[in-house]
Amino acid sequence: MYCSLCKKHKCSNTQNKSTAFAETPSVTLKKSALQEHLNSKKHISAVETELLNRVSYFQKEVTTKDLVEESVLNKVLIRFIG
């Protein structure tokens, strides 16, 4: 079983460099193993990275919108004054 977030962000355990759930599938199909993975630092790090990427996309959209508005206002003022 793979964890799609850990696989996407290529997470590994910092102590033993284990790549279970990310590059190699987990072979332990127990609820406790899954719960342990969900509470692990590497999974939490993958979730945080994913959330930051999503926020970054929206921030790019807002920034682009602001730049376009500024450009349009500059063009209008130049035509009005000039």
PDB file of N, CA and C in Angstrom:
ATOM      1  N   MET A   1       0.840  -1.151   0.000  1.00  0.00           N
ATOM      2  CA  MET A   1       0.000   0.000   0.000  1.00  0.00           C
ATOM      3  C   MET A   1       0.902   1.235   0.000  1.00  0.00           C
ATOM      4  N   TYR A   2       0.573   2.203  -0.875  1.00  0.00           N
ATOM      5  CA  TYR A   2       1.314   3.453  -0.962  1.00  0.00           C
ATOM      6  C   TYR A   2       0.503   4.591  -0.353  1.00  0.00           C
ATOM      7  N   CYS A   3       1.179   5.631   0.063  1.00  0.00           N
ATOM      8  CA  CYS A   3       0.543   6.884   0.472  1.00  0.00           C
ATOM      9  C   CYS A   3       0.790   7.862  -0.673  1.00  0.00           C
ATOM     10  N   SER A   4      -0.271   8.332  -1.296  1.00  0.00           N
ATOM     11  CA  SER A   4      -0.105   9.175  -2.478  1.00  0.00           C
ATOM     12  C   SER A   4       0.622  10.486  -2.172  1.00  0.00           C
ATOM     13  N   LEU A   5       0.371  11.084  -1.021  1.00  0.00           N
ATOM     14  CA  LEU A   5       1.064  12.333  -0.676  1.00  0.00           C
ATOM     15  C   LEU A   5       2.549  12.102  -0.429  1.00  0.00           C
ATOM     16  N   CYS A   6       2.871  11.055   0.319  1.00  0.00           N
ATOM     17  CA  CYS A   6       4.278  10.763   0.606  1.00  0.00           C
ATOM     18  C   CYS A   6       5.019  10.379  -0.674  1.00  0.00           C
ATOM     19  N   LYS A   7       4.340   9.699  -1.568  1.00  0.00           N
ATOM     20  CA  LYS A   7       4.945   9.313  -2.839  1.00  0.00           C
ATOM     21  C   LYS A   7       5.185  10.546  -3.706  1.00  0.00           C
ATOM     22  N   LYS A   8       4.201  11.440  -3.741  1.00  0.00           N
ATOM     23  CA  LYS A   8       4.309  12.658  -4.549  1.00  0.00           C
ATOM     24  C   LYS A   8       5.465  13.534  -4.078  1.00  0.00           C
ATOM     25  N   HIS A   9       5.637  13.661  -2.762  1.00  0.00           N
ATOM     26  CA  HIS A   9       6.659  14.545  -2.208  1.00  0.00           C
ATOM     27  C   HIS A   9       7.939  13.807  -1.825  1.00  0.00           C
ATOM     28  N   LYS A  10       8.019  12.525  -2.165  1.00  0.00           N
ATOM     29  CA  LYS A  10       9.218  11.692  -1.969  1.00  0.00           C
ATOM     30  C   LYS A  10       9.746  11.780  -0.535  1.00  0.00           C
ATOM     31  N   CYS A  11       8.861  11.527   0.401  1.00  0.00           N
ATOM     32  CA  CYS A  11       9.216  11.594   1.824  1.00  0.00           C
ATOM     33  C   CYS A  11       9.935  10.327   2.262  1.00  0.00           C
ATOM     34  N   SER A  12      10.887  10.511   3.158  1.00  0.00           N
ATOM     35  CA  SER A  12      11.553   9.364   3.772  1.00  0.00           C
ATOM     36  C   SER A  12      11.747   9.662   5.248  1.00  0.00           C
ATOM     37  N   ASN A  13      11.891   8.617   6.017  1.00  0.00           N
ATOM     38  CA  ASN A  13      12.095   8.764   7.449  1.00  0.00           C
ATOM     39  C   ASN A  13      13.475   9.366   7.685  1.00  0.00           C
ATOM     40  N   THR A  14      13.545  10.393   8.514  1.00  0.00           N
ATOM     41  CA  THR A  14      14.823  11.077   8.735  1.00  0.00           C
ATOM     42  C   THR A  14      15.819  10.239   9.522  1.00  0.00           C
ATOM     43  N   GLN A  15      15.339   9.332  10.358  1.00  0.00           N
ATOM     44  CA  GLN A  15      16.252   8.548  11.187  1.00  0.00           C
ATOM     45  C   GLN A  15      16.822   7.341  10.452  1.00  0.00           C
ATOM     46  N   ASN A  16      15.960   6.563   9.821  1.00  0.00           N
ATOM     47  CA  ASN A  16      16.463   5.332   9.197  1.00  0.00           C
ATOM     48  C   ASN A  16      16.324   5.323   7.676  1.00  0.00           C
ATOM     49  N   LYS A  17      15.957   6.443   7.097  1.00  0.00           N
ATOM     50  CA  LYS A  17      15.831   6.608   5.638  1.00  0.00           C
ATOM     51  C   LYS A  17      14.836   5.627   5.019  1.00  0.00           C
ATOM     52  N   SER A  18      13.885   5.167   5.810  1.00  0.00           N
ATOM     53  CA  SER A  18      12.859   4.256   5.317  1.00  0.00           C
ATOM     54  C   SER A  18      11.939   4.986   4.348  1.00  0.00           C
ATOM     55  N   THR A  19      11.595   4.329   3.256  1.00  0.00           N
ATOM     56  CA  THR A  19      10.708   4.937   2.268  1.00  0.00           C
ATOM     57  C   THR A  19       9.390   4.176   2.164  1.00  0.00           C
ATOM     58  N   ALA A  20       9.023   3.473   3.229  1.00  0.00           N
ATOM     59  CA  ALA A  20       7.749   2.752   3.233  1.00  0.00           C
ATOM     60  C   ALA A  20       6.611   3.744   3.065  1.00  0.00           C
ATOM     61  N   PHE A  21       5.611   3.358   2.329  1.00  0.00           N
ATOM     62  CA  PHE A  21       4.447   4.155   1.964  1.00  0.00           C
ATOM     63  C   PHE A  21       4.767   5.170   0.869  1.00  0.00           C
ATOM     64  N   ALA A  22       6.034   5.407   0.544  1.00  0.00           N
ATOM     65  CA  ALA A  22       6.381   6.400  -0.470  1.00  0.00           C
ATOM     66  C   ALA A  22       6.950   5.722  -1.717  1.00  0.00           C
ATOM     67  N   GLU A  23       8.183   5.253  -1.651  1.00  0.00           N
ATOM     68  CA  GLU A  23       8.810   4.602  -2.800  1.00  0.00           C
ATOM     69  C   GLU A  23       8.603   3.096  -2.792  1.00  0.00           C
ATOM     70  N   THR A  24       8.551   2.523  -1.599  1.00  0.00           N
ATOM     71  CA  THR A  24       8.276   1.090  -1.482  1.00  0.00           C
ATOM     72  C   THR A  24       6.937   0.919  -0.781  1.00  0.00           C
ATOM     73  N   PRO A  25       6.139  -0.021  -1.223  1.00  0.00           N
ATOM     74  CA  PRO A  25       4.824  -0.192  -0.592  1.00  0.00           C
ATOM     75  C   PRO A  25       4.952  -0.777   0.810  1.00  0.00           C
ATOM     76  N   SER A  26       4.026  -0.403   1.646  1.00  0.00           N
ATOM     77  CA  SER A  26       3.977  -0.996   2.978  1.00  0.00           C
ATOM     78  C   SER A  26       3.356  -2.378   2.847  1.00  0.00           C
ATOM     79  N   VAL A  27       3.939  -3.349   3.499  1.00  0.00           N
ATOM     80  CA  VAL A  27       3.414  -4.713   3.421  1.00  0.00           C
ATOM     81  C   VAL A  27       2.587  -5.066   4.650  1.00  0.00           C
ATOM     82  N   THR A  28       2.559  -4.171   5.625  1.00  0.00           N
ATOM     83  CA  THR A  28       1.773  -4.399   6.837  1.00  0.00           C
ATOM     84  C   THR A  28       0.384  -3.817   6.634  1.00  0.00           C
ATOM     85  N   LEU A  29      -0.591  -4.680   6.489  1.00  0.00           N
ATOM     86  CA  LEU A  29      -1.952  -4.223   6.240  1.00  0.00           C
ATOM     87  C   LEU A  29      -2.766  -4.242   7.525  1.00  0.00           C
ATOM     88  N   LYS A  30      -2.277  -3.529   8.507  1.00  0.00           N
ATOM     89  CA  LYS A  30      -2.976  -3.429   9.782  1.00  0.00           C
ATOM     90  C   LYS A  30      -3.419  -1.986   9.980  1.00  0.00           C
ATOM     91  N   LYS A  31      -4.528  -1.839  10.664  1.00  0.00           N
ATOM     92  CA  LYS A  31      -5.036  -0.503  10.948  1.00  0.00           C
ATOM     93  C   LYS A  31      -4.033   0.286  11.785  1.00  0.00           C
ATOM     94  N   SER A  32      -3.363  -0.382  12.704  1.00  0.00           N
ATOM     95  CA  SER A  32      -2.390   0.298  13.567  1.00  0.00           C
ATOM     96  C   SER A  32      -1.202   0.828  12.760  1.00  0.00           C
ATOM     97  N   ALA A  33      -0.774   0.088  11.731  1.00  0.00           N
ATOM     98  CA  ALA A  33       0.341   0.540  10.897  1.00  0.00           C
ATOM     99  C   ALA A  33      -0.055   1.773  10.100  1.00  0.00           C
ATOM    100  N   LEU A  34      -1.276   1.779   9.601  1.00  0.00           N
ATOM    101  CA  LEU A  34      -1.770   2.931   8.857  1.00  0.00           C
ATOM    102  C   LEU A  34      -1.896   4.149   9.772  1.00  0.00           C
ATOM    103  N   GLN A  35      -2.421   3.937  10.964  1.00  0.00           N
ATOM    104  CA  GLN A  35      -2.561   5.030  11.926  1.00  0.00           C
ATOM    105  C   GLN A  35      -1.192   5.578  12.324  1.00  0.00           C
ATOM    106  N   GLU A  36      -0.236   4.681  12.486  1.00  0.00           N
ATOM    107  CA  GLU A  36       1.124   5.093  12.825  1.00  0.00           C
ATOM    108  C   GLU A  36       1.718   5.950  11.709  1.00  0.00           C
ATOM    109  N   HIS A  37       1.460   5.559  10.466  1.00  0.00           N
ATOM    110  CA  HIS A  37       1.960   6.343   9.334  1.00  0.00           C
ATOM    111  C   HIS A  37       1.300   7.721   9.296  1.00  0.00           C
ATOM    112  N   LEU A  38      -0.010   7.764   9.518  1.00  0.00           N
ATOM    113  CA  LEU A  38      -0.720   9.044   9.486  1.00  0.00           C
ATOM    114  C   LEU A  38      -0.216  10.009  10.551  1.00  0.00           C
ATOM    115  N   ASN A  39       0.284   9.490  11.652  1.00  0.00           N
ATOM    116  CA  ASN A  39       0.802  10.329  12.734  1.00  0.00           C
ATOM    117  C   ASN A  39       2.307  10.582  12.630  1.00  0.00           C
ATOM    118  N   SER A  40       2.954  10.010  11.619  1.00  0.00           N
ATOM    119  CA  SER A  40       4.409  10.148  11.493  1.00  0.00           C
ATOM    120  C   SER A  40       4.794  11.547  11.012  1.00  0.00           C
ATOM    121  N   LYS A  41       6.023  11.938  11.333  1.00  0.00           N
ATOM    122  CA  LYS A  41       6.526  13.255  10.936  1.00  0.00           C
ATOM    123  C   LYS A  41       6.616  13.385   9.421  1.00  0.00           C
ATOM    124  N   LYS A  42       7.006  12.294   8.749  1.00  0.00           N
ATOM    125  CA  LYS A  42       7.160  12.390   7.295  1.00  0.00           C
ATOM    126  C   LYS A  42       5.816  12.591   6.607  1.00  0.00           C
ATOM    127  N   HIS A  43       4.754  11.963   7.103  1.00  0.00           N
ATOM    128  CA  HIS A  43       3.435  12.150   6.499  1.00  0.00           C
ATOM    129  C   HIS A  43       2.912  13.555   6.792  1.00  0.00           C
ATOM    130  N   ILE A  44       3.089  14.013   8.008  1.00  0.00           N
ATOM    131  CA  ILE A  44       2.648  15.363   8.366  1.00  0.00           C
ATOM    132  C   ILE A  44       3.401  16.394   7.528  1.00  0.00           C
ATOM    133  N   SER A  45       4.674  16.151   7.286  1.00  0.00           N
ATOM    134  CA  SER A  45       5.465  17.036   6.436  1.00  0.00           C
ATOM    135  C   SER A  45       4.926  17.047   5.004  1.00  0.00           C
ATOM    136  N   ALA A  46       4.536  15.885   4.497  1.00  0.00           N
ATOM    137  CA  ALA A  46       3.971  15.802   3.149  1.00  0.00           C
ATOM    138  C   ALA A  46       2.648  16.555   3.067  1.00  0.00           C
ATOM    139  N   VAL A  47       1.827  16.449   4.096  1.00  0.00           N
ATOM    140  CA  VAL A  47       0.548  17.167   4.129  1.00  0.00           C
ATOM    141  C   VAL A  47       0.797  18.670   4.144  1.00  0.00           C
ATOM    142  N   GLU A  48       1.739  19.125   4.971  1.00  0.00           N
ATOM    143  CA  GLU A  48       2.056  20.549   5.040  1.00  0.00           C
ATOM    144  C   GLU A  48       2.582  21.065   3.706  1.00  0.00           C
ATOM    145  N   THR A  49       3.427  20.287   3.045  1.00  0.00           N
ATOM    146  CA  THR A  49       3.958  20.682   1.745  1.00  0.00           C
ATOM    147  C   THR A  49       2.841  20.806   0.722  1.00  0.00           C
ATOM    148  N   GLU A  50       1.919  19.866   0.740  1.00  0.00           N
ATOM    149  CA  GLU A  50       0.787  19.906  -0.184  1.00  0.00           C
ATOM    150  C   GLU A  50      -0.074  21.141   0.065  1.00  0.00           C
ATOM    151  N   LEU A  51      -0.327  21.448   1.318  1.00  0.00           N
ATOM    152  CA  LEU A  51      -1.129  22.630   1.640  1.00  0.00           C
ATOM    153  C   LEU A  51      -0.417  23.915   1.225  1.00  0.00           C
ATOM    154  N   LEU A  52       0.890  23.972   1.405  1.00  0.00           N
ATOM    155  CA  LEU A  52       1.644  25.149   0.978  1.00  0.00           C
ATOM    156  C   LEU A  52       1.601  25.314  -0.531  1.00  0.00           C
ATOM    157  N   ASN A  53       1.678  24.207  -1.258  1.00  0.00           N
ATOM    158  CA  ASN A  53       1.592  24.283  -2.715  1.00  0.00           C
ATOM    159  C   ASN A  53       0.234  24.792  -3.158  1.00  0.00           C
ATOM    160  N   ARG A  54      -0.810  24.371  -2.489  1.00  0.00           N
ATOM    161  CA  ARG A  54      -2.150  24.838  -2.842  1.00  0.00           C
ATOM    162  C   ARG A  54      -2.305  26.316  -2.540  1.00  0.00           C
ATOM    163  N   VAL A  55      -1.805  26.759  -1.404  1.00  0.00           N
ATOM    164  CA  VAL A  55      -1.876  28.179  -1.056  1.00  0.00           C
ATOM    165  C   VAL A  55      -1.060  28.983  -2.058  1.00  0.00           C
ATOM    166  N   SER A  56       0.079  28.477  -2.444  1.00  0.00           N
ATOM    167  CA  SER A  56       0.935  29.182  -3.386  1.00  0.00           C
ATOM    168  C   SER A  56       0.218  29.427  -4.703  1.00  0.00           C
ATOM    169  N   TYR A  57      -0.548  28.462  -5.167  1.00  0.00           N
ATOM    170  CA  TYR A  57      -1.276  28.619  -6.425  1.00  0.00           C
ATOM    171  C   TYR A  57      -2.257  29.778  -6.323  1.00  0.00           C
ATOM    172  N   PHE A  58      -3.015  29.824  -5.238  1.00  0.00           N
ATOM    173  CA  PHE A  58      -3.980  30.900  -5.067  1.00  0.00           C
ATOM    174  C   PHE A  58      -3.281  32.246  -4.900  1.00  0.00           C
ATOM    175  N   GLN A  59      -2.155  32.245  -4.227  1.00  0.00           N
ATOM    176  CA  GLN A  59      -1.405  33.487  -4.082  1.00  0.00           C
ATOM    177  C   GLN A  59      -0.923  33.978  -5.437  1.00  0.00           C
ATOM    178  N   LYS A  60      -0.492  33.072  -6.310  1.00  0.00           N
ATOM    179  CA  LYS A  60      -0.069  33.452  -7.656  1.00  0.00           C
ATOM    180  C   LYS A  60      -1.225  34.072  -8.423  1.00  0.00           C
ATOM    181  N   GLU A  61      -2.417  33.506  -8.283  1.00  0.00           N
ATOM    182  CA  GLU A  61      -3.594  34.048  -8.964  1.00  0.00           C
ATOM    183  C   GLU A  61      -3.902  35.466  -8.487  1.00  0.00           C
ATOM    184  N   VAL A  62      -3.840  35.694  -7.193  1.00  0.00           N
ATOM    185  CA  VAL A  62      -4.113  37.022  -6.636  1.00  0.00           C
ATOM    186  C   VAL A  62      -3.063  38.018  -7.118  1.00  0.00           C
ATOM    187  N   THR A  63      -1.807  37.615  -7.099  1.00  0.00           N
ATOM    188  CA  THR A  63      -0.727  38.493  -7.544  1.00  0.00           C
ATOM    189  C   THR A  63      -0.880  38.836  -9.017  1.00  0.00           C
ATOM    190  N   THR A  64      -1.200  37.848  -9.842  1.00  0.00           N
ATOM    191  CA  THR A  64      -1.398  38.078 -11.268  1.00  0.00           C
ATOM    192  C   THR A  64      -2.555  39.039 -11.496  1.00  0.00           C
ATOM    193  N   LYS A  65      -3.635  38.854 -10.774  1.00  0.00           N
ATOM    194  CA  LYS A  65      -4.798  39.738 -10.897  1.00  0.00           C
ATOM    195  C   LYS A  65      -4.414  41.166 -10.536  1.00  0.00           C
ATOM    196  N   ASP A  66      -3.663  41.342  -9.455  1.00  0.00           N
ATOM    197  CA  ASP A  66      -3.232  42.677  -9.038  1.00  0.00           C
ATOM    198  C   ASP A  66      -2.345  43.333 -10.092  1.00  0.00           C
ATOM    199  N   LEU A  67      -1.438  42.570 -10.682  1.00  0.00           N
ATOM    200  CA  LEU A  67      -0.555  43.114 -11.714  1.00  0.00           C
ATOM    201  C   LEU A  67      -1.338  43.542 -12.946  1.00  0.00           C
ATOM    202  N   VAL A  68      -2.325  42.753 -13.337  1.00  0.00           N
ATOM    203  CA  VAL A  68      -3.152  43.090 -14.498  1.00  0.00           C
ATOM    204  C   VAL A  68      -3.947  44.357 -14.223  1.00  0.00           C
ATOM    205  N   GLU A  69      -4.541  44.458 -13.036  1.00  0.00           N
ATOM    206  CA  GLU A  69      -5.301  45.658 -12.681  1.00  0.00           C
ATOM    207  C   GLU A  69      -4.406  46.892 -12.703  1.00  0.00           C
ATOM    208  N   GLU A  70      -3.209  46.777 -12.168  1.00  0.00           N
ATOM    209  CA  GLU A  70      -2.277  47.903 -12.145  1.00  0.00           C
ATOM    210  C   GLU A  70      -1.890  48.310 -13.562  1.00  0.00           C
ATOM    211  N   SER A  71      -1.650  47.334 -14.416  1.00  0.00           N
ATOM    212  CA  SER A  71      -1.286  47.606 -15.802  1.00  0.00           C
ATOM    213  C   SER A  71      -2.418  48.321 -16.536  1.00  0.00           C
ATOM    214  N   VAL A  72      -3.635  47.862 -16.334  1.00  0.00           N
ATOM    215  CA  VAL A  72      -4.793  48.483 -16.986  1.00  0.00           C
ATOM    216  C   VAL A  72      -4.967  49.915 -16.492  1.00  0.00           C
ATOM    217  N   LEU A  73      -4.847  50.128 -15.193  1.00  0.00           N
ATOM    218  CA  LEU A  73      -4.981  51.480 -14.645  1.00  0.00           C
ATOM    219  C   LEU A  73      -3.898  52.412 -15.187  1.00  0.00           C
ATOM    220  N   ASN A  74      -2.677  51.919 -15.298  1.00  0.00           N
ATOM    221  CA  ASN A  74      -1.594  52.732 -15.861  1.00  0.00           C
ATOM    222  C   ASN A  74      -1.892  53.126 -17.300  1.00  0.00           C
ATOM    223  N   LYS A  75      -2.386  52.200 -18.098  1.00  0.00           N
ATOM    224  CA  LYS A  75      -2.708  52.493 -19.498  1.00  0.00           C
ATOM    225  C   LYS A  75      -3.838  53.508 -19.605  1.00  0.00           C
ATOM    226  N   VAL A  76      -4.845  53.378 -18.746  1.00  0.00           N
ATOM    227  CA  VAL A  76      -5.965  54.318 -18.762  1.00  0.00           C
ATOM    228  C   VAL A  76      -5.478  55.714 -18.378  1.00  0.00           C
ATOM    229  N   LEU A  77      -4.661  55.810 -17.346  1.00  0.00           N
ATOM    230  CA  LEU A  77      -4.150  57.115 -16.923  1.00  0.00           C
ATOM    231  C   LEU A  77      -3.275  57.753 -17.995  1.00  0.00           C
ATOM    232  N   ILE A  78      -2.451  56.971 -18.648  1.00  0.00           N
ATOM    233  CA  ILE A  78      -1.585  57.497 -19.714  1.00  0.00           C
ATOM    234  C   ILE A  78      -2.436  58.032 -20.859  1.00  0.00           C
ATOM    235  N   ARG A  79      -3.487  57.331 -21.243  1.00  0.00           N
ATOM    236  CA  ARG A  79      -4.369  57.794 -22.328  1.00  0.00           C
ATOM    237  C   ARG A  79      -5.143  59.040 -21.902  1.00  0.00           C
ATOM    238  N   PHE A  80      -5.564  59.060 -20.646  1.00  0.00           N
ATOM    239  CA  PHE A  80      -6.353  60.185 -20.147  1.00  0.00           C
ATOM    240  C   PHE A  80      -5.500  61.451 -20.051  1.00  0.00           C
ATOM    241  N   ILE A  81      -4.273  61.301 -19.536  1.00  0.00           N
ATOM    242  CA  ILE A  81      -3.385  62.447 -19.357  1.00  0.00           C
ATOM    243  C   ILE A  81      -2.768  62.860 -20.689  1.00  0.00           C
ATOM    244  N   GLY A  82      -2.363  61.889 -21.462  1.00  0.00           N
ATOM    245  CA  GLY A  82      -1.628  62.152 -22.693  1.00  0.00           C
ATOM    246  C   GLY A  82      -2.505  62.422 -23.821  1.00  0.00           C
TER     247      GLY A  82
END
